Amino acid sequence: MSVKQKFIWLLASVIFLFTAVSSYAEITVQNTVKGGVRAVDNGTLENGDGANEATVILNVKQLKLIKQARSLQGDMLTTDKPIAKGMRLYFVIILDNYFDTSLQDVQLLDSLNENQFNYIKDSLEMTTFTRNVDDKYESGKDDFFWKSGTWSKVTEMVDADTISMVDTNGDSLLDHLTVGRVPGQVNAQYDITEKTFFAIRFMVKVKARR
């Protein structure tokens, strides 16, 4: 029995929160059901009559999700760093698949707060980075992916690639990012291989400090 693993995250871009980090999680759920059809009492979900119990085990893995704000030079921006109106900075979103298995149909969406930021057109980029060590990315502040990764331009349109950025309120400013097959803004399916970092960055201009 195969189970598709599906992950959906929602992030909001806010000026006073410069680093958001979720946790790794691996959860095993076991359930026992009556299984089988076709008059065969074999205690399985296939070719049985439902008289005996069959066990279904779902192994759910939650990726680590990190969102950062960085200067154009790549320095982390924290709450004690001055942020001025008109300043340009990067938002960075990192998915960390620490596990030894690949995950299919990963979905992510992020809505930009246009009261505080304007997206800079044609700034959407992505990179992937394979782990060489078993250490978890605990702090969300390491710079190796930023310095060592090769950033590639991504088109903003909803097309054959896995990422898009669109306008949702009719003002011609892009404010809604999705990765994968998110309903309403469906890109190509995104699968993340084992022991891999996947990162997206895009540039914004600060409109107002909250």
N, C-alpha and C. Protein backbone atom coordinates (compact mmCIF):
# COMPACT_ATOMS: atom_id res chain seq x y z
N MET A 1 0.86 -1.20 0.00
CA MET A 1 0.00 0.00 0.00
C MET A 1 0.89 1.24 0.00
N SER A 2 0.69 2.14 -0.95
CA SER A 2 1.51 3.34 -1.01
C SER A 2 0.70 4.54 -0.54
N VAL A 3 1.36 5.45 0.13
CA VAL A 3 0.70 6.64 0.64
C VAL A 3 1.47 7.86 0.14
N LYS A 4 0.80 8.78 -0.54
CA LYS A 4 1.43 10.01 -0.98
C LYS A 4 1.56 10.96 0.19
N GLN A 5 2.77 11.48 0.39
CA GLN A 5 2.99 12.43 1.48
C GLN A 5 2.88 13.84 0.93
N LYS A 6 2.04 14.64 1.57
CA LYS A 6 1.71 15.97 1.07
C LYS A 6 1.91 16.99 2.18
N PHE A 7 2.58 18.10 1.87
CA PHE A 7 2.91 19.09 2.88
C PHE A 7 2.51 20.46 2.38
N ILE A 8 1.82 21.22 3.21
CA ILE A 8 1.39 22.56 2.85
C ILE A 8 1.76 23.52 3.98
N TRP A 9 2.43 24.62 3.65
CA TRP A 9 2.77 25.64 4.63
C TRP A 9 2.22 26.98 4.19
N LEU A 10 1.88 27.81 5.16
CA LEU A 10 1.47 29.19 4.89
C LEU A 10 2.35 30.11 5.71
N LEU A 11 2.98 31.08 5.05
CA LEU A 11 3.82 32.05 5.73
C LEU A 11 3.29 33.45 5.43
N ALA A 12 3.45 34.35 6.39
CA ALA A 12 3.09 35.75 6.16
C ALA A 12 4.33 36.60 6.35
N SER A 13 4.58 37.53 5.42
CA SER A 13 5.75 38.39 5.50
C SER A 13 5.44 39.59 6.38
N VAL A 14 6.16 39.75 7.49
CA VAL A 14 5.94 40.87 8.40
C VAL A 14 7.27 41.48 8.77
N ILE A 15 7.31 42.78 8.99
CA ILE A 15 8.57 43.49 9.18
C ILE A 15 9.20 43.20 10.53
N PHE A 16 8.41 42.87 11.54
CA PHE A 16 8.98 42.69 12.88
C PHE A 16 9.40 41.25 13.15
N LEU A 17 9.19 40.35 12.21
CA LEU A 17 9.59 38.96 12.39
C LEU A 17 10.59 38.62 11.30
N PHE A 18 11.88 38.50 11.68
CA PHE A 18 12.90 38.33 10.67
C PHE A 18 13.37 36.89 10.52
N THR A 19 13.12 36.05 11.49
CA THR A 19 13.47 34.65 11.35
C THR A 19 12.37 33.81 11.94
N ALA A 20 11.83 32.90 11.15
CA ALA A 20 10.82 31.96 11.62
C ALA A 20 11.31 30.56 11.30
N VAL A 21 11.30 29.68 12.28
CA VAL A 21 11.83 28.33 12.10
C VAL A 21 10.85 27.32 12.65
N SER A 22 10.44 26.35 11.82
CA SER A 22 9.63 25.25 12.31
C SER A 22 10.55 24.11 12.72
N SER A 23 9.99 23.04 13.28
CA SER A 23 10.79 21.94 13.80
C SER A 23 10.67 20.70 12.92
N TYR A 24 11.73 19.87 12.99
CA TYR A 24 11.64 18.56 12.37
C TYR A 24 10.62 17.73 13.13
N ALA A 25 9.94 16.84 12.44
CA ALA A 25 9.03 15.92 13.12
C ALA A 25 8.90 14.66 12.29
N GLU A 26 8.89 13.54 12.96
CA GLU A 26 8.63 12.27 12.31
C GLU A 26 7.64 11.51 13.18
N ILE A 27 6.45 11.26 12.66
CA ILE A 27 5.36 10.68 13.43
C ILE A 27 4.92 9.38 12.76
N THR A 28 4.85 8.33 13.55
CA THR A 28 4.34 7.06 13.05
C THR A 28 2.95 6.82 13.64
N VAL A 29 1.98 6.65 12.76
CA VAL A 29 0.59 6.43 13.17
C VAL A 29 0.20 5.01 12.74
N GLN A 30 -0.25 4.23 13.70
CA GLN A 30 -0.66 2.85 13.40
C GLN A 30 -2.13 2.68 13.70
N ASN A 31 -2.85 2.07 12.77
CA ASN A 31 -4.28 1.85 12.95
C ASN A 31 -4.62 0.45 12.44
N THR A 32 -5.59 -0.16 13.09
CA THR A 32 -6.01 -1.50 12.70
C THR A 32 -7.42 -1.45 12.15
N VAL A 33 -7.62 -2.02 10.99
CA VAL A 33 -8.92 -1.96 10.33
C VAL A 33 -9.31 -3.36 9.86
N LYS A 34 -10.59 -3.52 9.59
CA LYS A 34 -11.04 -4.74 8.95
C LYS A 34 -10.67 -4.64 7.47
N GLY A 35 -9.97 -5.63 6.95
CA GLY A 35 -9.48 -5.52 5.59
C GLY A 35 -9.81 -6.73 4.76
N GLY A 36 -9.92 -6.52 3.47
CA GLY A 36 -10.07 -7.64 2.55
C GLY A 36 -11.41 -7.69 1.87
N VAL A 37 -11.40 -8.23 0.68
CA VAL A 37 -12.62 -8.47 -0.10
C VAL A 37 -12.47 -9.81 -0.79
N ARG A 38 -13.43 -10.19 -1.58
CA ARG A 38 -13.37 -11.38 -2.44
C ARG A 38 -13.36 -12.69 -1.64
N ALA A 39 -13.98 -12.67 -0.46
CA ALA A 39 -14.21 -13.91 0.28
C ALA A 39 -12.94 -14.65 0.67
N VAL A 40 -11.87 -13.94 0.90
CA VAL A 40 -10.64 -14.57 1.38
C VAL A 40 -10.30 -13.95 2.72
N ASP A 41 -10.33 -14.75 3.78
CA ASP A 41 -10.10 -14.25 5.13
C ASP A 41 -8.59 -14.31 5.42
N ASN A 42 -7.87 -13.29 4.96
CA ASN A 42 -6.41 -13.35 5.12
C ASN A 42 -5.83 -12.18 5.92
N GLY A 43 -6.68 -11.38 6.52
CA GLY A 43 -6.19 -10.31 7.39
C GLY A 43 -5.39 -9.23 6.70
N THR A 44 -5.61 -9.00 5.43
CA THR A 44 -4.92 -7.95 4.72
C THR A 44 -5.95 -7.04 4.06
N LEU A 45 -5.47 -5.95 3.48
CA LEU A 45 -6.36 -5.04 2.76
C LEU A 45 -6.58 -5.48 1.32
N GLU A 46 -5.90 -6.52 0.90
CA GLU A 46 -6.01 -6.96 -0.49
C GLU A 46 -6.46 -8.42 -0.53
N ASN A 47 -7.48 -8.69 -1.30
CA ASN A 47 -7.96 -10.05 -1.54
C ASN A 47 -8.41 -10.75 -0.26
N GLY A 48 -9.03 -10.02 0.65
CA GLY A 48 -9.57 -10.62 1.86
C GLY A 48 -11.06 -10.34 1.97
N ASP A 49 -11.70 -10.87 3.03
CA ASP A 49 -13.14 -10.69 3.15
C ASP A 49 -13.54 -9.73 4.25
N GLY A 50 -12.57 -9.11 4.93
CA GLY A 50 -12.89 -8.15 5.97
C GLY A 50 -13.13 -8.77 7.32
N ALA A 51 -12.93 -10.08 7.47
CA ALA A 51 -13.21 -10.75 8.74
C ALA A 51 -12.10 -10.53 9.77
N ASN A 52 -10.88 -10.49 9.33
CA ASN A 52 -9.75 -10.30 10.25
C ASN A 52 -9.23 -8.87 10.17
N GLU A 53 -8.33 -8.52 11.10
CA GLU A 53 -7.79 -7.18 11.15
C GLU A 53 -6.52 -7.07 10.30
N ALA A 54 -6.40 -5.95 9.63
CA ALA A 54 -5.17 -5.63 8.89
C ALA A 54 -4.62 -4.33 9.44
N THR A 55 -3.32 -4.23 9.52
CA THR A 55 -2.67 -3.05 10.12
C THR A 55 -2.18 -2.10 9.03
N VAL A 56 -2.50 -0.83 9.22
CA VAL A 56 -2.02 0.22 8.33
C VAL A 56 -1.11 1.14 9.14
N ILE A 57 0.10 1.37 8.66
CA ILE A 57 1.05 2.24 9.35
C ILE A 57 1.41 3.39 8.41
N LEU A 58 1.19 4.62 8.88
CA LEU A 58 1.55 5.82 8.14
C LEU A 58 2.75 6.46 8.82
N ASN A 59 3.83 6.62 8.07
CA ASN A 59 5.01 7.27 8.60
C ASN A 59 5.07 8.68 8.02
N VAL A 60 4.76 9.69 8.84
CA VAL A 60 4.64 11.07 8.38
C VAL A 60 5.90 11.85 8.75
N LYS A 61 6.48 12.52 7.77
CA LYS A 61 7.69 13.30 8.01
C LYS A 61 7.39 14.77 7.73
N GLN A 62 7.77 15.63 8.64
CA GLN A 62 7.57 17.07 8.47
C GLN A 62 8.91 17.74 8.23
N LEU A 63 9.03 18.41 7.10
CA LEU A 63 10.26 19.12 6.79
C LEU A 63 10.45 20.30 7.73
N LYS A 64 11.71 20.71 7.87
CA LYS A 64 11.96 21.94 8.61
C LYS A 64 11.80 23.11 7.64
N LEU A 65 11.08 24.12 8.07
CA LEU A 65 10.79 25.29 7.26
C LEU A 65 11.37 26.52 7.95
N ILE A 66 12.17 27.29 7.22
CA ILE A 66 12.85 28.46 7.79
C ILE A 66 12.58 29.65 6.89
N LYS A 67 12.22 30.76 7.46
CA LYS A 67 12.09 32.00 6.69
C LYS A 67 12.97 33.06 7.32
N GLN A 68 13.73 33.75 6.47
CA GLN A 68 14.68 34.75 6.94
C GLN A 68 14.52 36.04 6.15
N ALA A 69 15.01 37.14 6.73
CA ALA A 69 15.23 38.38 6.00
C ALA A 69 16.73 38.63 5.99
N ARG A 70 17.27 38.99 4.85
CA ARG A 70 18.70 39.23 4.70
C ARG A 70 18.93 40.51 3.90
N SER A 71 20.06 41.12 4.15
CA SER A 71 20.46 42.27 3.35
C SER A 71 20.83 41.79 1.95
N LEU A 72 21.02 42.72 1.03
CA LEU A 72 21.39 42.34 -0.33
C LEU A 72 22.76 41.70 -0.37
N GLN A 73 23.57 41.92 0.68
CA GLN A 73 24.89 41.29 0.77
C GLN A 73 24.82 39.91 1.42
N GLY A 74 23.62 39.54 1.92
CA GLY A 74 23.45 38.22 2.51
C GLY A 74 23.49 38.18 4.01
N ASP A 75 23.68 39.31 4.68
CA ASP A 75 23.72 39.33 6.14
C ASP A 75 22.33 39.14 6.72
N MET A 76 22.24 38.34 7.79
CA MET A 76 20.96 38.15 8.46
C MET A 76 20.48 39.45 9.07
N LEU A 77 19.20 39.75 8.91
CA LEU A 77 18.59 40.92 9.53
C LEU A 77 17.79 40.46 10.74
N THR A 78 18.12 40.99 11.89
CA THR A 78 17.44 40.64 13.13
C THR A 78 16.70 41.86 13.65
N THR A 79 15.95 41.68 14.72
CA THR A 79 15.09 42.76 15.20
C THR A 79 15.88 43.97 15.70
N ASP A 80 17.18 43.79 15.98
CA ASP A 80 17.96 44.93 16.45
C ASP A 80 18.65 45.68 15.31
N LYS A 81 18.44 45.25 14.06
CA LYS A 81 19.04 45.93 12.91
C LYS A 81 18.07 46.99 12.40
N PRO A 82 18.58 48.19 12.10
CA PRO A 82 17.68 49.25 11.60
C PRO A 82 17.17 48.93 10.19
N ILE A 83 15.87 49.13 10.00
CA ILE A 83 15.24 48.92 8.70
C ILE A 83 14.54 50.22 8.32
N ALA A 84 14.93 50.80 7.19
CA ALA A 84 14.40 52.10 6.80
C ALA A 84 13.44 51.97 5.63
N LYS A 85 12.51 52.89 5.55
CA LYS A 85 11.61 52.96 4.41
C LYS A 85 12.42 53.12 3.13
N GLY A 86 12.08 52.36 2.11
CA GLY A 86 12.80 52.42 0.85
C GLY A 86 13.94 51.42 0.74
N MET A 87 14.32 50.80 1.85
CA MET A 87 15.40 49.82 1.85
C MET A 87 14.97 48.57 1.08
N ARG A 88 15.92 47.97 0.37
CA ARG A 88 15.67 46.71 -0.31
C ARG A 88 16.32 45.57 0.48
N LEU A 89 15.63 44.45 0.55
CA LEU A 89 16.15 43.30 1.27
C LEU A 89 15.62 42.03 0.62
N TYR A 90 16.21 40.91 1.04
CA TYR A 90 15.77 39.60 0.55
C TYR A 90 14.93 38.91 1.61
N PHE A 91 13.85 38.28 1.17
CA PHE A 91 13.20 37.24 1.96
C PHE A 91 13.69 35.90 1.43
N VAL A 92 14.03 35.01 2.35
CA VAL A 92 14.54 33.69 1.99
C VAL A 92 13.68 32.63 2.67
N ILE A 93 13.25 31.64 1.91
CA ILE A 93 12.48 30.52 2.45
C ILE A 93 13.28 29.25 2.19
N ILE A 94 13.51 28.47 3.24
CA ILE A 94 14.32 27.26 3.13
C ILE A 94 13.50 26.06 3.59
N LEU A 95 13.47 25.02 2.77
CA LEU A 95 12.92 23.73 3.16
C LEU A 95 14.09 22.77 3.36
N ASP A 96 14.12 22.11 4.50
CA ASP A 96 15.22 21.21 4.83
C ASP A 96 14.67 19.79 4.97
N ASN A 97 14.97 18.96 3.99
CA ASN A 97 14.60 17.54 4.09
C ASN A 97 15.78 16.79 4.70
N TYR A 98 15.78 16.69 6.01
CA TYR A 98 16.85 16.04 6.75
C TYR A 98 16.79 14.52 6.60
N PHE A 99 15.66 14.00 6.17
CA PHE A 99 15.41 12.56 6.25
C PHE A 99 16.06 11.79 5.10
N ASP A 100 16.08 10.47 5.25
CA ASP A 100 16.71 9.58 4.27
C ASP A 100 15.76 9.17 3.16
N THR A 101 14.61 9.77 3.09
CA THR A 101 13.64 9.45 2.05
C THR A 101 13.23 10.71 1.30
N SER A 102 12.94 10.55 0.02
CA SER A 102 12.42 11.68 -0.75
C SER A 102 10.94 11.86 -0.43
N LEU A 103 10.44 13.07 -0.64
CA LEU A 103 9.04 13.39 -0.35
C LEU A 103 8.40 13.95 -1.61
N GLN A 104 7.18 13.51 -1.87
CA GLN A 104 6.50 13.87 -3.10
C GLN A 104 5.38 14.88 -2.86
N ASP A 105 5.12 15.67 -3.88
CA ASP A 105 4.00 16.61 -3.90
C ASP A 105 4.08 17.61 -2.75
N VAL A 106 5.26 18.21 -2.58
CA VAL A 106 5.44 19.25 -1.57
C VAL A 106 4.78 20.53 -2.06
N GLN A 107 4.00 21.18 -1.19
CA GLN A 107 3.31 22.42 -1.56
C GLN A 107 3.59 23.49 -0.51
N LEU A 108 3.84 24.71 -0.98
CA LEU A 108 4.12 25.83 -0.08
C LEU A 108 3.51 27.08 -0.67
N LEU A 109 2.97 27.94 0.20
CA LEU A 109 2.51 29.24 -0.27
C LEU A 109 2.90 30.32 0.72
N ASP A 110 3.14 31.50 0.20
CA ASP A 110 3.57 32.64 1.02
C ASP A 110 2.92 33.90 0.48
N SER A 111 2.24 34.63 1.35
CA SER A 111 1.58 35.88 0.96
C SER A 111 2.38 37.07 1.49
N LEU A 112 2.70 37.98 0.60
CA LEU A 112 3.47 39.16 0.96
C LEU A 112 2.52 40.27 1.44
N ASN A 113 2.86 40.89 2.57
CA ASN A 113 2.07 41.99 3.12
C ASN A 113 2.40 43.27 2.34
N GLU A 114 1.50 43.66 1.45
CA GLU A 114 1.78 44.81 0.59
C GLU A 114 1.63 46.15 1.30
N ASN A 115 1.12 46.15 2.52
CA ASN A 115 1.13 47.39 3.30
C ASN A 115 2.54 47.72 3.80
N GLN A 116 3.40 46.70 3.83
CA GLN A 116 4.75 46.90 4.35
C GLN A 116 5.85 46.70 3.31
N PHE A 117 5.57 45.93 2.25
CA PHE A 117 6.59 45.59 1.27
C PHE A 117 6.04 45.64 -0.14
N ASN A 118 6.91 45.96 -1.08
CA ASN A 118 6.64 45.77 -2.50
C ASN A 118 7.63 44.78 -3.07
N TYR A 119 7.11 43.79 -3.78
CA TYR A 119 7.97 42.80 -4.43
C TYR A 119 8.72 43.46 -5.59
N ILE A 120 10.02 43.14 -5.72
CA ILE A 120 10.83 43.64 -6.83
C ILE A 120 10.75 42.66 -7.97
N LYS A 121 10.23 43.11 -9.08
CA LYS A 121 9.98 42.23 -10.22
C LYS A 121 11.27 41.58 -10.71
N ASP A 122 11.15 40.33 -11.14
CA ASP A 122 12.23 39.52 -11.71
C ASP A 122 13.33 39.20 -10.69
N SER A 123 13.00 39.22 -9.42
CA SER A 123 14.01 38.90 -8.39
C SER A 123 13.87 37.49 -7.84
N LEU A 124 12.91 36.72 -8.33
CA LEU A 124 12.65 35.38 -7.79
C LEU A 124 13.74 34.40 -8.24
N GLU A 125 14.37 33.73 -7.26
CA GLU A 125 15.44 32.79 -7.53
C GLU A 125 15.32 31.56 -6.63
N MET A 126 15.97 30.47 -7.01
CA MET A 126 15.95 29.26 -6.21
C MET A 126 17.31 28.57 -6.25
N THR A 127 17.56 27.71 -5.25
CA THR A 127 18.75 26.87 -5.25
C THR A 127 18.45 25.58 -4.50
N THR A 128 19.17 24.53 -4.79
CA THR A 128 19.12 23.30 -4.01
C THR A 128 20.53 22.96 -3.57
N PHE A 129 20.63 22.29 -2.44
CA PHE A 129 21.94 22.00 -1.86
C PHE A 129 21.86 20.66 -1.16
N THR A 130 22.70 19.72 -1.58
CA THR A 130 22.70 18.39 -0.99
C THR A 130 23.55 18.38 0.27
N ARG A 131 23.03 17.76 1.32
CA ARG A 131 23.77 17.65 2.57
C ARG A 131 24.99 16.75 2.41
N ASN A 132 26.09 17.17 3.02
CA ASN A 132 27.28 16.32 3.09
C ASN A 132 27.48 15.76 4.49
N VAL A 133 26.68 16.24 5.44
CA VAL A 133 26.79 15.81 6.82
C VAL A 133 25.41 15.49 7.35
N ASP A 134 25.36 14.87 8.54
CA ASP A 134 24.10 14.48 9.14
C ASP A 134 23.55 15.52 10.10
N ASP A 135 24.26 16.61 10.31
CA ASP A 135 23.83 17.61 11.28
C ASP A 135 22.55 18.27 10.83
N LYS A 136 21.64 18.45 11.77
CA LYS A 136 20.41 19.17 11.46
C LYS A 136 20.68 20.67 11.40
N TYR A 137 19.87 21.35 10.63
CA TYR A 137 20.01 22.79 10.44
C TYR A 137 19.23 23.48 11.55
N GLU A 138 19.79 23.45 12.76
CA GLU A 138 19.02 23.83 13.94
C GLU A 138 18.77 25.33 14.04
N SER A 139 19.79 26.13 13.77
CA SER A 139 19.67 27.55 14.09
C SER A 139 18.90 28.34 13.03
N GLY A 140 18.96 27.87 11.77
CA GLY A 140 18.38 28.67 10.70
C GLY A 140 19.23 29.85 10.32
N LYS A 141 20.47 29.91 10.84
CA LYS A 141 21.32 31.08 10.62
C LYS A 141 22.61 30.75 9.87
N ASP A 142 22.83 29.48 9.54
CA ASP A 142 24.05 29.12 8.83
C ASP A 142 24.04 29.71 7.43
N ASP A 143 25.22 30.02 6.91
CA ASP A 143 25.33 30.73 5.65
C ASP A 143 25.81 29.86 4.50
N PHE A 144 26.06 28.57 4.74
CA PHE A 144 26.68 27.78 3.69
C PHE A 144 25.82 27.69 2.44
N PHE A 145 24.49 27.61 2.62
CA PHE A 145 23.63 27.49 1.45
C PHE A 145 23.65 28.78 0.64
N TRP A 146 23.78 29.93 1.35
CA TRP A 146 23.78 31.22 0.67
C TRP A 146 25.06 31.41 -0.12
N LYS A 147 26.18 31.01 0.48
CA LYS A 147 27.48 31.23 -0.15
C LYS A 147 27.82 30.15 -1.17
N SER A 148 27.39 28.91 -0.92
CA SER A 148 27.80 27.79 -1.77
C SER A 148 26.77 27.42 -2.82
N GLY A 149 25.52 27.78 -2.58
CA GLY A 149 24.47 27.41 -3.53
C GLY A 149 24.55 28.22 -4.81
N THR A 150 24.10 27.66 -5.89
CA THR A 150 24.02 28.36 -7.17
C THR A 150 22.58 28.81 -7.37
N TRP A 151 22.35 30.11 -7.33
CA TRP A 151 21.00 30.64 -7.44
C TRP A 151 20.60 30.76 -8.90
N SER A 152 19.42 30.26 -9.22
CA SER A 152 18.92 30.29 -10.59
C SER A 152 17.65 31.12 -10.66
N LYS A 153 17.53 31.93 -11.71
CA LYS A 153 16.32 32.73 -11.92
C LYS A 153 15.12 31.83 -12.18
N VAL A 154 13.97 32.25 -11.65
CA VAL A 154 12.73 31.52 -11.83
C VAL A 154 11.71 32.47 -12.44
N THR A 155 10.96 32.00 -13.44
CA THR A 155 9.92 32.85 -14.01
C THR A 155 8.78 33.00 -13.01
N GLU A 156 8.15 34.16 -13.01
CA GLU A 156 7.07 34.42 -12.05
C GLU A 156 5.73 33.88 -12.51
N MET A 157 5.59 33.61 -13.78
CA MET A 157 4.31 33.14 -14.32
C MET A 157 4.01 31.72 -13.84
N VAL A 158 2.71 31.41 -13.81
CA VAL A 158 2.29 30.03 -13.57
C VAL A 158 2.49 29.27 -14.87
N ASP A 159 3.52 28.42 -14.90
CA ASP A 159 3.84 27.71 -16.14
C ASP A 159 4.35 26.32 -15.80
N ALA A 160 5.29 25.80 -16.58
CA ALA A 160 5.71 24.41 -16.43
C ALA A 160 6.70 24.18 -15.31
N ASP A 161 7.21 25.25 -14.67
CA ASP A 161 8.14 25.03 -13.57
C ASP A 161 7.38 24.90 -12.25
N THR A 162 8.10 24.79 -11.14
CA THR A 162 7.46 24.45 -9.86
C THR A 162 7.14 25.65 -8.98
N ILE A 163 7.53 26.87 -9.40
CA ILE A 163 7.38 28.07 -8.56
C ILE A 163 6.71 29.17 -9.37
N SER A 164 5.85 29.97 -8.71
CA SER A 164 5.28 31.14 -9.37
C SER A 164 4.98 32.22 -8.33
N MET A 165 4.86 33.46 -8.84
CA MET A 165 4.53 34.62 -8.00
C MET A 165 3.51 35.43 -8.78
N VAL A 166 2.33 35.67 -8.20
CA VAL A 166 1.26 36.33 -8.94
C VAL A 166 0.65 37.47 -8.13
N ASP A 167 -0.13 38.29 -8.81
CA ASP A 167 -0.89 39.37 -8.19
C ASP A 167 -2.28 38.85 -7.83
N THR A 168 -2.70 39.04 -6.59
CA THR A 168 -4.01 38.53 -6.16
C THR A 168 -5.03 39.63 -5.89
N ASN A 169 -4.62 40.91 -5.95
CA ASN A 169 -5.58 41.97 -5.62
C ASN A 169 -5.77 43.00 -6.72
N GLY A 170 -5.23 42.74 -7.91
CA GLY A 170 -5.52 43.60 -9.05
C GLY A 170 -4.74 44.88 -9.14
N ASP A 171 -3.67 45.03 -8.35
CA ASP A 171 -2.88 46.27 -8.42
C ASP A 171 -1.61 46.11 -9.26
N SER A 172 -1.47 44.98 -9.93
CA SER A 172 -0.32 44.67 -10.80
C SER A 172 0.97 44.43 -10.05
N LEU A 173 0.92 44.39 -8.72
CA LEU A 173 2.10 44.08 -7.91
C LEU A 173 1.99 42.63 -7.45
N LEU A 174 3.05 41.87 -7.60
CA LEU A 174 3.04 40.46 -7.27
C LEU A 174 3.13 40.27 -5.76
N ASP A 175 2.26 39.40 -5.21
CA ASP A 175 2.18 39.30 -3.76
C ASP A 175 1.94 37.89 -3.25
N HIS A 176 1.87 36.90 -4.13
CA HIS A 176 1.49 35.56 -3.68
C HIS A 176 2.39 34.51 -4.34
N LEU A 177 3.22 33.88 -3.52
CA LEU A 177 4.18 32.87 -3.98
C LEU A 177 3.64 31.47 -3.71
N THR A 178 3.76 30.59 -4.69
CA THR A 178 3.44 29.19 -4.44
C THR A 178 4.54 28.30 -5.02
N VAL A 179 4.70 27.15 -4.37
CA VAL A 179 5.59 26.09 -4.84
C VAL A 179 4.75 24.83 -4.97
N GLY A 180 4.86 24.15 -6.11
CA GLY A 180 4.12 22.91 -6.29
C GLY A 180 2.68 23.13 -6.68
N ARG A 181 1.87 22.11 -6.48
CA ARG A 181 0.50 22.10 -7.00
C ARG A 181 -0.49 22.66 -5.99
N VAL A 182 -0.30 23.91 -5.60
CA VAL A 182 -1.21 24.56 -4.66
C VAL A 182 -2.52 24.91 -5.38
N PRO A 183 -3.67 24.50 -4.87
CA PRO A 183 -4.94 24.82 -5.52
C PRO A 183 -5.11 26.32 -5.75
N GLY A 184 -5.55 26.67 -6.95
CA GLY A 184 -5.74 28.08 -7.30
C GLY A 184 -4.53 28.72 -7.94
N GLN A 185 -3.36 28.14 -7.75
CA GLN A 185 -2.12 28.64 -8.37
C GLN A 185 -1.22 27.42 -8.56
N VAL A 186 -1.61 26.59 -9.50
CA VAL A 186 -1.03 25.25 -9.63
C VAL A 186 0.19 25.27 -10.54
N ASN A 187 1.34 24.97 -9.98
CA ASN A 187 2.57 24.82 -10.74
C ASN A 187 2.80 23.33 -11.01
N ALA A 188 3.96 23.01 -11.57
CA ALA A 188 4.34 21.61 -11.70
C ALA A 188 4.57 21.02 -10.31
N GLN A 189 4.39 19.72 -10.18
CA GLN A 189 4.60 19.05 -8.90
C GLN A 189 6.05 19.20 -8.46
N TYR A 190 6.23 19.47 -7.15
CA TYR A 190 7.59 19.56 -6.61
C TYR A 190 7.84 18.40 -5.67
N ASP A 191 8.91 17.64 -5.94
CA ASP A 191 9.37 16.55 -5.09
C ASP A 191 10.75 16.92 -4.57
N ILE A 192 11.00 16.69 -3.29
CA ILE A 192 12.30 17.01 -2.71
C ILE A 192 13.02 15.71 -2.36
N THR A 193 14.25 15.58 -2.85
CA THR A 193 15.00 14.36 -2.62
C THR A 193 15.53 14.31 -1.19
N GLU A 194 15.99 13.14 -0.80
CA GLU A 194 16.49 12.95 0.57
C GLU A 194 17.74 13.81 0.81
N LYS A 195 17.91 14.22 2.09
CA LYS A 195 19.09 14.97 2.52
C LYS A 195 19.35 16.19 1.63
N THR A 196 18.32 17.00 1.43
CA THR A 196 18.43 18.13 0.51
C THR A 196 17.84 19.39 1.12
N PHE A 197 18.52 20.50 0.91
CA PHE A 197 17.96 21.82 1.17
C PHE A 197 17.39 22.38 -0.13
N PHE A 198 16.23 23.01 -0.02
CA PHE A 198 15.65 23.73 -1.15
C PHE A 198 15.38 25.15 -0.66
N ALA A 199 15.89 26.15 -1.36
CA ALA A 199 15.74 27.53 -0.90
C ALA A 199 15.23 28.42 -2.03
N ILE A 200 14.39 29.38 -1.66
CA ILE A 200 13.86 30.40 -2.55
C ILE A 200 14.22 31.76 -1.96
N ARG A 201 14.56 32.69 -2.81
CA ARG A 201 14.73 34.06 -2.33
C ARG A 201 14.10 35.03 -3.32
N PHE A 202 13.61 36.15 -2.78
CA PHE A 202 13.10 37.21 -3.63
C PHE A 202 13.32 38.54 -2.92
N MET A 203 13.42 39.60 -3.71
CA MET A 203 13.75 40.92 -3.18
C MET A 203 12.48 41.74 -2.97
N VAL A 204 12.45 42.51 -1.89
CA VAL A 204 11.34 43.41 -1.62
C VAL A 204 11.87 44.81 -1.27
N LYS A 205 11.01 45.79 -1.40
CA LYS A 205 11.29 47.15 -0.98
C LYS A 205 10.41 47.49 0.19
N VAL A 206 10.99 48.01 1.26
CA VAL A 206 10.25 48.34 2.47
C VAL A 206 9.40 49.59 2.23
N LYS A 207 8.09 49.46 2.44
CA LYS A 207 7.19 50.61 2.30
C LYS A 207 7.01 51.35 3.62
N ALA A 208 6.83 50.58 4.70
CA ALA A 208 6.58 51.19 6.01
C ALA A 208 7.05 50.25 7.07
N ARG A 209 7.56 50.79 8.16
CA ARG A 209 7.96 49.97 9.29
C ARG A 209 6.84 49.96 10.31
N ARG A 210 6.57 48.75 10.80
CA ARG A 210 5.44 48.60 11.72
C ARG A 210 5.93 48.62 13.17
